[in-house]
N, C-alpha and C. Protein backbone atom coordinates (compact mmCIF):
# COMPACT_ATOMS: atom_id res chain seq x y z
N MET A 1 164.12 130.28 176.34
CA MET A 1 163.04 130.80 177.14
C MET A 1 163.46 132.17 177.68
N ALA A 2 162.64 133.17 177.43
CA ALA A 2 162.97 134.53 177.82
C ALA A 2 162.52 134.78 179.26
N LYS A 3 163.32 135.53 179.96
CA LYS A 3 162.98 135.88 181.34
C LYS A 3 162.04 137.08 181.33
N ALA A 4 161.08 137.07 182.25
CA ALA A 4 160.15 138.18 182.38
C ALA A 4 160.84 139.33 183.11
N THR A 5 160.64 140.51 182.58
CA THR A 5 161.23 141.68 183.24
C THR A 5 160.22 142.28 184.20
N LYS A 6 160.70 143.18 185.02
CA LYS A 6 159.82 143.80 186.01
C LYS A 6 158.83 144.75 185.35
N THR A 7 159.09 145.27 184.17
CA THR A 7 158.19 146.23 183.53
C THR A 7 157.02 145.55 182.83
N GLU A 8 157.12 144.27 182.50
CA GLU A 8 156.03 143.59 181.81
C GLU A 8 154.76 143.51 182.65
N PRO A 9 154.82 143.12 183.92
CA PRO A 9 153.58 143.10 184.71
C PRO A 9 152.97 144.48 184.86
N ILE A 10 153.78 145.49 184.98
CA ILE A 10 153.25 146.85 185.11
C ILE A 10 152.54 147.26 183.83
N ALA A 11 153.13 146.97 182.69
CA ALA A 11 152.52 147.32 181.41
C ALA A 11 151.22 146.55 181.23
N ASN A 12 151.22 145.28 181.59
CA ASN A 12 150.03 144.46 181.47
C ASN A 12 148.92 144.99 182.37
N ASN A 13 149.27 145.40 183.57
CA ASN A 13 148.31 145.95 184.52
C ASN A 13 147.73 147.26 183.99
N GLN A 14 148.58 148.08 183.41
CA GLN A 14 148.11 149.35 182.84
C GLN A 14 147.16 149.10 181.68
N ASP A 15 147.43 148.09 180.85
CA ASP A 15 146.52 147.76 179.76
C ASP A 15 145.17 147.31 180.29
N GLU A 16 145.19 146.50 181.34
CA GLU A 16 143.93 146.05 181.94
C GLU A 16 143.15 147.23 182.52
N LEU A 17 143.84 148.14 183.18
CA LEU A 17 143.18 149.33 183.73
C LEU A 17 142.59 150.20 182.63
N PHE A 18 143.32 150.33 181.54
CA PHE A 18 142.83 151.12 180.41
C PHE A 18 141.57 150.49 179.82
N LEU A 19 141.57 149.17 179.64
CA LEU A 19 140.40 148.47 179.11
C LEU A 19 139.21 148.60 180.06
N LEU A 20 139.48 148.52 181.36
CA LEU A 20 138.43 148.68 182.35
C LEU A 20 137.82 150.08 182.28
N GLU A 21 138.66 151.09 182.13
CA GLU A 21 138.17 152.47 182.01
C GLU A 21 137.33 152.64 180.74
N GLN A 22 137.74 151.99 179.66
CA GLN A 22 136.95 152.06 178.42
C GLN A 22 135.57 151.43 178.63
N ARG A 23 135.52 150.30 179.32
CA ARG A 23 134.24 149.66 179.60
C ARG A 23 133.36 150.54 180.47
N LYS A 24 133.97 151.22 181.44
CA LYS A 24 133.22 152.12 182.31
C LYS A 24 132.60 153.26 181.50
N VAL A 25 133.38 153.82 180.60
CA VAL A 25 132.90 154.93 179.78
C VAL A 25 131.74 154.47 178.90
N LYS A 26 131.87 153.30 178.28
CA LYS A 26 130.79 152.78 177.44
C LYS A 26 129.53 152.54 178.25
N ALA A 27 129.68 152.00 179.45
CA ALA A 27 128.52 151.75 180.31
C ALA A 27 127.85 153.06 180.71
N LEU A 28 128.64 154.06 181.05
CA LEU A 28 128.07 155.36 181.41
C LEU A 28 127.36 156.02 180.23
N GLU A 29 127.92 155.85 179.04
CA GLU A 29 127.27 156.40 177.85
C GLU A 29 125.92 155.72 177.60
N LYS A 30 125.84 154.41 177.81
CA LYS A 30 124.57 153.70 177.65
C LYS A 30 123.55 154.18 178.67
N LEU A 31 124.00 154.36 179.91
CA LEU A 31 123.10 154.87 180.95
C LEU A 31 122.60 156.27 180.61
N ALA A 32 123.49 157.11 180.13
CA ALA A 32 123.11 158.47 179.77
C ALA A 32 122.11 158.47 178.63
N ASN A 33 122.30 157.61 177.65
CA ASN A 33 121.35 157.53 176.54
C ASN A 33 119.98 157.06 177.02
N SER A 34 119.95 156.12 177.95
CA SER A 34 118.68 155.65 178.49
C SER A 34 117.96 156.74 179.26
N VAL A 35 118.70 157.46 180.08
CA VAL A 35 118.10 158.55 180.85
C VAL A 35 117.59 159.64 179.91
N ASP A 36 118.34 159.93 178.87
CA ASP A 36 117.92 160.93 177.89
C ASP A 36 116.63 160.49 177.19
N ALA A 37 116.55 159.22 176.81
CA ALA A 37 115.34 158.72 176.17
C ALA A 37 114.14 158.80 177.11
N LEU A 38 114.35 158.47 178.39
CA LEU A 38 113.26 158.60 179.37
C LEU A 38 112.83 160.05 179.55
N THR A 39 113.79 160.95 179.57
CA THR A 39 113.48 162.37 179.72
C THR A 39 112.61 162.85 178.56
N ILE A 40 112.98 162.48 177.37
CA ILE A 40 112.20 162.87 176.19
C ILE A 40 110.80 162.28 176.26
N TRP A 41 110.70 161.01 176.68
CA TRP A 41 109.39 160.37 176.78
C TRP A 41 108.52 161.08 177.80
N PHE A 42 109.09 161.43 178.97
CA PHE A 42 108.31 162.12 179.99
C PHE A 42 107.86 163.49 179.52
N GLU A 43 108.69 164.16 178.73
CA GLU A 43 108.31 165.47 178.22
C GLU A 43 107.20 165.38 177.19
N ASP A 44 107.15 164.27 176.46
CA ASP A 44 106.19 164.15 175.37
C ASP A 44 104.83 163.59 175.78
N ILE A 45 104.71 162.99 176.98
CA ILE A 45 103.42 162.41 177.35
C ILE A 45 102.42 163.52 177.65
N ASP A 46 101.15 163.20 177.46
CA ASP A 46 100.08 164.15 177.72
C ASP A 46 99.76 164.11 179.21
N LYS A 47 100.25 165.09 179.93
CA LYS A 47 100.12 165.08 181.38
C LYS A 47 98.68 165.28 181.85
N GLU A 48 97.89 166.00 181.09
CA GLU A 48 96.49 166.21 181.46
C GLU A 48 95.72 164.89 181.46
N GLU A 49 96.02 164.04 180.50
CA GLU A 49 95.34 162.75 180.41
C GLU A 49 95.79 161.80 181.51
N TRP A 50 97.03 161.94 181.96
CA TRP A 50 97.59 161.03 182.95
C TRP A 50 97.21 161.39 184.38
N GLY A 51 96.65 162.56 184.63
CA GLY A 51 96.33 162.99 185.99
C GLY A 51 95.52 161.98 186.78
N PRO A 52 94.32 161.58 186.29
CA PRO A 52 93.51 160.61 187.04
C PRO A 52 94.19 159.24 187.15
N ARG A 53 94.91 158.84 186.12
CA ARG A 53 95.59 157.54 186.15
C ARG A 53 96.67 157.53 187.22
N ILE A 54 97.44 158.60 187.29
CA ILE A 54 98.50 158.68 188.31
C ILE A 54 97.89 158.68 189.71
N GLN A 55 96.79 159.40 189.88
CA GLN A 55 96.12 159.41 191.18
C GLN A 55 95.68 158.01 191.58
N TRP A 56 95.15 157.23 190.61
CA TRP A 56 94.72 155.88 190.91
C TRP A 56 95.90 155.01 191.31
N TYR A 57 97.01 155.10 190.53
CA TYR A 57 98.19 154.30 190.86
C TYR A 57 98.74 154.67 192.24
N LEU A 58 98.77 155.95 192.56
CA LEU A 58 99.25 156.37 193.87
C LEU A 58 98.35 155.87 194.99
N SER A 59 97.04 155.88 194.76
CA SER A 59 96.13 155.38 195.80
C SER A 59 96.30 153.87 195.99
N GLU A 60 96.52 153.13 194.90
CA GLU A 60 96.75 151.69 195.02
C GLU A 60 98.07 151.42 195.74
N PHE A 61 99.09 152.21 195.44
CA PHE A 61 100.37 152.06 196.13
C PHE A 61 100.21 152.37 197.61
N HIS A 62 99.42 153.40 197.92
CA HIS A 62 99.20 153.79 199.31
C HIS A 62 98.49 152.68 200.08
N LYS A 63 97.61 151.94 199.42
CA LYS A 63 96.91 150.82 200.06
C LYS A 63 97.88 149.68 200.40
N LEU A 64 98.92 149.51 199.58
CA LEU A 64 99.86 148.41 199.77
C LEU A 64 100.92 148.70 200.82
N VAL A 65 101.21 149.98 201.05
CA VAL A 65 102.27 150.35 202.00
C VAL A 65 101.77 150.11 203.41
N PRO A 66 102.53 149.36 204.21
CA PRO A 66 102.08 149.12 205.60
C PRO A 66 102.06 150.42 206.40
N LYS A 67 101.07 150.51 207.23
CA LYS A 67 100.92 151.71 208.07
C LYS A 67 101.91 151.63 209.21
N GLU A 68 102.48 152.78 209.56
CA GLU A 68 103.38 152.85 210.71
C GLU A 68 102.55 152.93 211.98
N GLU A 69 102.96 152.17 212.96
CA GLU A 69 102.27 152.21 214.24
C GLU A 69 102.73 153.45 215.00
N GLU A 70 101.74 154.14 215.55
CA GLU A 70 102.08 155.33 216.33
C GLU A 70 102.38 154.90 217.76
N THR A 71 103.48 155.43 218.27
CA THR A 71 103.85 155.14 219.66
C THR A 71 103.42 156.31 220.53
N PRO A 72 102.89 156.01 221.71
CA PRO A 72 102.48 157.12 222.60
C PRO A 72 103.71 157.90 223.08
N ASN A 73 103.55 159.20 223.16
CA ASN A 73 104.65 160.05 223.63
C ASN A 73 104.82 159.89 225.13
N ALA A 74 106.02 159.73 225.56
CA ALA A 74 106.28 159.54 226.99
C ALA A 74 106.55 160.83 227.69
């Protein structure tokens, strides 16, 4: 049975950190691709056609948002 040296846990920890960094990079790349796809979609939509539709959605959202109560100034 071989004895564990002090460098083995450090090397193992470094491998885990490296794998974690790789996962972070892949996740960020996926997010960037999604944002890029959304950007392209927003650029390609016909904004003139969407004007009245956006106004309707905003008015419906405004109806759902609770009104803030005004407090009298002291």
